[in-house]
């Protein structure tokens, strides 16, 4: 692991996004809340938050960070679900990996809960879109 002991504690924030592409009929099932395994979006939100909190257990060289906030939001389009995660902490290192992990696990949870209906779903465009704080300052993904 990188030694962060000499780094200043600052406010850190990261925003990640991912898309789950699916058949229109699968999206209708998602919107209706009639998935066999239950409320897909509620479970995916909790899975994403849990994943952010457990990132150092999943990514070997990540530092443990005391997260102060983790949000998982959804935007339903015609045949794709956009998942956006925002993570915050006051620490010596950033929260980019926590935001990305939250987005990835939320997307995988959606896939798991709907795969009986649509095994052809794809998870695309997992990316960091913004980050603030720390020595490197701000980052915004070009559109």
C-alpha atoms as a PDB file:
ATOM      1  CA  UNK A   1       0.000   0.000   0.000  1.00  0.00           C
ATOM      2  CA  UNK A   2       1.059   3.570  -0.535  1.00  0.00           C
ATOM      3  CA  UNK A   3       2.020   5.381   2.667  1.00  0.00           C
ATOM      4  CA  UNK A   4      -0.515   8.176   3.206  1.00  0.00           C
ATOM      5  CA  UNK A   5       0.532   9.085   6.768  1.00  0.00           C
ATOM      6  CA  UNK A   6       1.991  12.457   5.742  1.00  0.00           C
ATOM      7  CA  UNK A   7      -0.960  13.468   3.568  1.00  0.00           C
ATOM      8  CA  UNK A   8      -3.419  16.027   4.904  1.00  0.00           C
ATOM      9  CA  UNK A   9      -6.925  14.984   5.869  1.00  0.00           C
ATOM     10  CA  UNK A  10      -9.258  16.723   3.428  1.00  0.00           C
ATOM     11  CA  UNK A  11     -12.831  16.412   2.264  1.00  0.00           C
ATOM     12  CA  UNK A  12     -13.007  13.915  -0.608  1.00  0.00           C
ATOM     13  CA  UNK A  13     -15.843  13.108  -2.990  1.00  0.00           C
ATOM     14  CA  UNK A  14     -16.224  10.922  -6.070  1.00  0.00           C
ATOM     15  CA  UNK A  15     -19.023  10.284  -8.557  1.00  0.00           C
ATOM     16  CA  UNK A  16     -19.153   7.144 -10.717  1.00  0.00           C
ATOM     17  CA  UNK A  17     -21.654   5.947 -13.304  1.00  0.00           C
ATOM     18  CA  UNK A  18     -22.475   2.692 -15.037  1.00  0.00           C
ATOM     19  CA  UNK A  19     -25.221   1.563 -17.386  1.00  0.00           C
ATOM     20  CA  UNK A  20     -27.148  -1.715 -17.514  1.00  0.00           C
ATOM     21  CA  UNK A  21     -28.574  -2.279 -20.991  1.00  0.00           C
ATOM     22  CA  UNK A  22     -31.562  -4.598 -21.295  1.00  0.00           C
ATOM     23  CA  UNK A  23     -34.505  -5.505 -23.481  1.00  0.00           C
ATOM     24  CA  UNK A  24     -37.445  -3.072 -23.323  1.00  0.00           C
ATOM     25  CA  UNK A  25     -39.588  -5.853 -21.808  1.00  0.00           C
ATOM     26  CA  UNK A  26     -37.026  -6.281 -19.040  1.00  0.00           C
ATOM     27  CA  UNK A  27     -37.129  -2.555 -18.345  1.00  0.00           C
ATOM     28  CA  UNK A  28     -40.928  -2.733 -18.150  1.00  0.00           C
ATOM     29  CA  UNK A  29     -40.575  -5.538 -15.576  1.00  0.00           C
ATOM     30  CA  UNK A  30     -38.065  -3.447 -13.620  1.00  0.00           C
ATOM     31  CA  UNK A  31     -40.379  -0.406 -13.674  1.00  0.00           C
ATOM     32  CA  UNK A  32     -43.365  -2.475 -12.555  1.00  0.00           C
ATOM     33  CA  UNK A  33     -41.563  -3.831  -9.503  1.00  0.00           C
ATOM     34  CA  UNK A  34     -42.650  -7.380 -10.433  1.00  0.00           C
ATOM     35  CA  UNK A  35     -39.274  -9.125 -10.474  1.00  0.00           C
ATOM     36  CA  UNK A  36     -39.337 -12.612  -8.979  1.00  0.00           C
ATOM     37  CA  UNK A  37     -36.521 -11.790  -6.544  1.00  0.00           C
ATOM     38  CA  UNK A  38     -38.180  -8.603  -5.233  1.00  0.00           C
ATOM     39  CA  UNK A  39     -37.545  -4.867  -5.420  1.00  0.00           C
ATOM     40  CA  UNK A  40     -34.550  -4.708  -7.756  1.00  0.00           C
ATOM     41  CA  UNK A  41     -33.657  -1.064  -7.204  1.00  0.00           C
ATOM     42  CA  UNK A  42     -33.934  -1.237  -3.415  1.00  0.00           C
ATOM     43  CA  UNK A  43     -31.681  -4.290  -3.258  1.00  0.00           C
ATOM     44  CA  UNK A  44     -29.203  -2.799  -5.763  1.00  0.00           C
ATOM     45  CA  UNK A  45     -29.012   0.418  -3.703  1.00  0.00           C
ATOM     46  CA  UNK A  46     -28.188  -1.496  -0.509  1.00  0.00           C
ATOM     47  CA  UNK A  47     -25.693  -3.702  -2.386  1.00  0.00           C
ATOM     48  CA  UNK A  48     -23.923  -0.636  -3.777  1.00  0.00           C
ATOM     49  CA  UNK A  49     -23.666   1.007  -0.366  1.00  0.00           C
ATOM     50  CA  UNK A  50     -22.396  -2.205   1.203  1.00  0.00           C
ATOM     51  CA  UNK A  51     -19.830  -2.593  -1.588  1.00  0.00           C
ATOM     52  CA  UNK A  52     -18.497   0.941  -1.055  1.00  0.00           C
ATOM     53  CA  UNK A  53     -18.005   0.179   2.629  1.00  0.00           C
ATOM     54  CA  UNK A  54     -16.198  -3.089   1.856  1.00  0.00           C
ATOM     55  CA  UNK A  55     -13.977  -1.875  -0.988  1.00  0.00           C
ATOM     56  CA  UNK A  56     -10.682  -2.502   0.897  1.00  0.00           C
ATOM     57  CA  UNK A  57     -11.720  -6.150   1.283  1.00  0.00           C
ATOM     58  CA  UNK A  58     -12.253  -6.457  -2.483  1.00  0.00           C
ATOM     59  CA  UNK A  59      -9.437  -4.315  -3.925  1.00  0.00           C
ATOM     60  CA  UNK A  60      -6.194  -5.512  -2.330  1.00  0.00           C
ATOM     61  CA  UNK A  61      -4.217  -2.250  -2.029  1.00  0.00           C
ATOM     62  CA  UNK A  62      -7.063   0.127  -1.120  1.00  0.00           C
ATOM     63  CA  UNK A  63      -6.893   1.864   2.230  1.00  0.00           C
ATOM     64  CA  UNK A  64      -9.741   1.593   4.714  1.00  0.00           C
ATOM     65  CA  UNK A  65     -11.607   4.888   4.751  1.00  0.00           C
ATOM     66  CA  UNK A  66     -14.320   6.069   7.114  1.00  0.00           C
ATOM     67  CA  UNK A  67     -17.021   7.000   4.611  1.00  0.00           C
ATOM     68  CA  UNK A  68     -19.322   9.839   5.616  1.00  0.00           C
ATOM     69  CA  UNK A  69     -21.859   9.394   2.800  1.00  0.00           C
ATOM     70  CA  UNK A  70     -22.730   6.989   0.015  1.00  0.00           C
ATOM     71  CA  UNK A  71     -25.596   7.562  -2.387  1.00  0.00           C
ATOM     72  CA  UNK A  72     -26.811   5.222  -5.127  1.00  0.00           C
ATOM     73  CA  UNK A  73     -29.289   6.747  -7.580  1.00  0.00           C
ATOM     74  CA  UNK A  74     -31.032   5.331 -10.639  1.00  0.00           C
ATOM     75  CA  UNK A  75     -32.298   6.813 -13.894  1.00  0.00           C
ATOM     76  CA  UNK A  76     -34.544   4.555 -15.965  1.00  0.00           C
ATOM     77  CA  UNK A  77     -34.372   5.037 -19.725  1.00  0.00           C
ATOM     78  CA  UNK A  78     -36.178   3.088 -22.482  1.00  0.00           C
ATOM     79  CA  UNK A  79     -33.866   0.077 -22.433  1.00  0.00           C
ATOM     80  CA  UNK A  80     -31.083   1.021 -20.038  1.00  0.00           C
ATOM     81  CA  UNK A  81     -30.660   1.781 -16.391  1.00  0.00           C
ATOM     82  CA  UNK A  82     -28.136   4.454 -15.448  1.00  0.00           C
ATOM     83  CA  UNK A  83     -26.652   3.979 -11.980  1.00  0.00           C
ATOM     84  CA  UNK A  84     -24.873   6.890 -10.347  1.00  0.00           C
ATOM     85  CA  UNK A  85     -22.954   6.607  -7.083  1.00  0.00           C
ATOM     86  CA  UNK A  86     -21.559   9.435  -4.977  1.00  0.00           C
ATOM     87  CA  UNK A  87     -19.209   8.744  -2.076  1.00  0.00           C
ATOM     88  CA  UNK A  88     -17.757  11.183   0.477  1.00  0.00           C
ATOM     89  CA  UNK A  89     -15.160  11.004   3.242  1.00  0.00           C
ATOM     90  CA  UNK A  90     -12.780  13.184   5.217  1.00  0.00           C
ATOM     91  CA  UNK A  91      -9.500  11.311   4.932  1.00  0.00           C
ATOM     92  CA  UNK A  92      -5.948  11.163   3.580  1.00  0.00           C
ATOM     93  CA  UNK A  93      -6.821   9.338   0.371  1.00  0.00           C
ATOM     94  CA  UNK A  94      -9.588   9.494  -2.204  1.00  0.00           C
ATOM     95  CA  UNK A  95     -12.872   7.657  -2.570  1.00  0.00           C
ATOM     96  CA  UNK A  96     -12.786   6.949  -6.309  1.00  0.00           C
ATOM     97  CA  UNK A  97     -12.498   3.186  -5.850  1.00  0.00           C
ATOM     98  CA  UNK A  98     -15.396   3.167  -3.396  1.00  0.00           C
ATOM     99  CA  UNK A  99     -17.643   5.001  -5.879  1.00  0.00           C
ATOM    100  CA  UNK A 100     -16.625   2.708  -8.745  1.00  0.00           C
ATOM    101  CA  UNK A 101     -17.077  -0.425  -6.638  1.00  0.00           C
ATOM    102  CA  UNK A 102     -20.512   0.733  -5.495  1.00  0.00           C
ATOM    103  CA  UNK A 103     -21.592   1.311  -9.104  1.00  0.00           C
ATOM    104  CA  UNK A 104     -20.231  -2.027 -10.307  1.00  0.00           C
ATOM    105  CA  UNK A 105     -21.848  -4.065  -7.538  1.00  0.00           C
ATOM    106  CA  UNK A 106     -25.177  -2.252  -7.903  1.00  0.00           C
ATOM    107  CA  UNK A 107     -25.116  -3.090 -11.639  1.00  0.00           C
ATOM    108  CA  UNK A 108     -24.218  -6.726 -10.953  1.00  0.00           C
ATOM    109  CA  UNK A 109     -27.081  -6.928  -8.475  1.00  0.00           C
ATOM    110  CA  UNK A 110     -29.522  -5.673 -11.111  1.00  0.00           C
ATOM    111  CA  UNK A 111     -28.196  -8.311 -13.495  1.00  0.00           C
ATOM    112  CA  UNK A 112     -28.538 -11.046 -10.881  1.00  0.00           C
ATOM    113  CA  UNK A 113     -32.097 -10.094 -10.018  1.00  0.00           C
ATOM    114  CA  UNK A 114     -33.263  -9.890 -13.661  1.00  0.00           C
ATOM    115  CA  UNK A 115     -31.156 -12.561 -15.370  1.00  0.00           C
ATOM    116  CA  UNK A 116     -34.045 -15.044 -15.402  1.00  0.00           C
ATOM    117  CA  UNK A 117     -35.888 -12.602 -17.669  1.00  0.00           C
ATOM    118  CA  UNK A 118     -32.958 -11.343 -19.798  1.00  0.00           C
ATOM    119  CA  UNK A 119     -29.570 -13.085 -19.798  1.00  0.00           C
ATOM    120  CA  UNK A 120     -28.475 -10.777 -22.633  1.00  0.00           C
ATOM    121  CA  UNK A 121     -28.211  -7.706 -20.400  1.00  0.00           C
ATOM    122  CA  UNK A 122     -24.875  -5.912 -20.593  1.00  0.00           C
ATOM    123  CA  UNK A 123     -23.063  -3.690 -18.125  1.00  0.00           C
ATOM    124  CA  UNK A 124     -21.314  -0.800 -19.880  1.00  0.00           C
ATOM    125  CA  UNK A 125     -19.492   2.453 -19.390  1.00  0.00           C
ATOM    126  CA  UNK A 126     -18.329   2.045 -15.789  1.00  0.00           C
ATOM    127  CA  UNK A 127     -16.372   5.243 -15.229  1.00  0.00           C
ATOM    128  CA  UNK A 128     -15.338   7.875 -12.748  1.00  0.00           C
ATOM    129  CA  UNK A 129     -17.147  11.089 -13.694  1.00  0.00           C
ATOM    130  CA  UNK A 130     -16.003  13.481 -10.963  1.00  0.00           C
ATOM    131  CA  UNK A 131     -13.666  13.645  -8.023  1.00  0.00           C
ATOM    132  CA  UNK A 132     -12.862  16.415  -5.571  1.00  0.00           C
ATOM    133  CA  UNK A 133     -10.333  16.856  -2.809  1.00  0.00           C
ATOM    134  CA  UNK A 134      -6.794  15.884  -2.107  1.00  0.00           C
ATOM    135  CA  UNK A 135      -3.553  17.036  -3.630  1.00  0.00           C
ATOM    136  CA  UNK A 136      -4.638  16.421  -7.233  1.00  0.00           C
ATOM    137  CA  UNK A 137      -7.759  18.606  -6.808  1.00  0.00           C
ATOM    138  CA  UNK A 138     -10.737  18.259  -9.112  1.00  0.00           C
ATOM    139  CA  UNK A 139     -11.365  15.919 -12.014  1.00  0.00           C
ATOM    140  CA  UNK A 140     -14.327  16.003 -14.394  1.00  0.00           C
ATOM    141  CA  UNK A 141     -14.734  13.396 -17.094  1.00  0.00           C
ATOM    142  CA  UNK A 142     -14.914  15.040 -20.535  1.00  0.00           C
ATOM    143  CA  UNK A 143     -18.345  14.627 -22.101  1.00  0.00           C
END
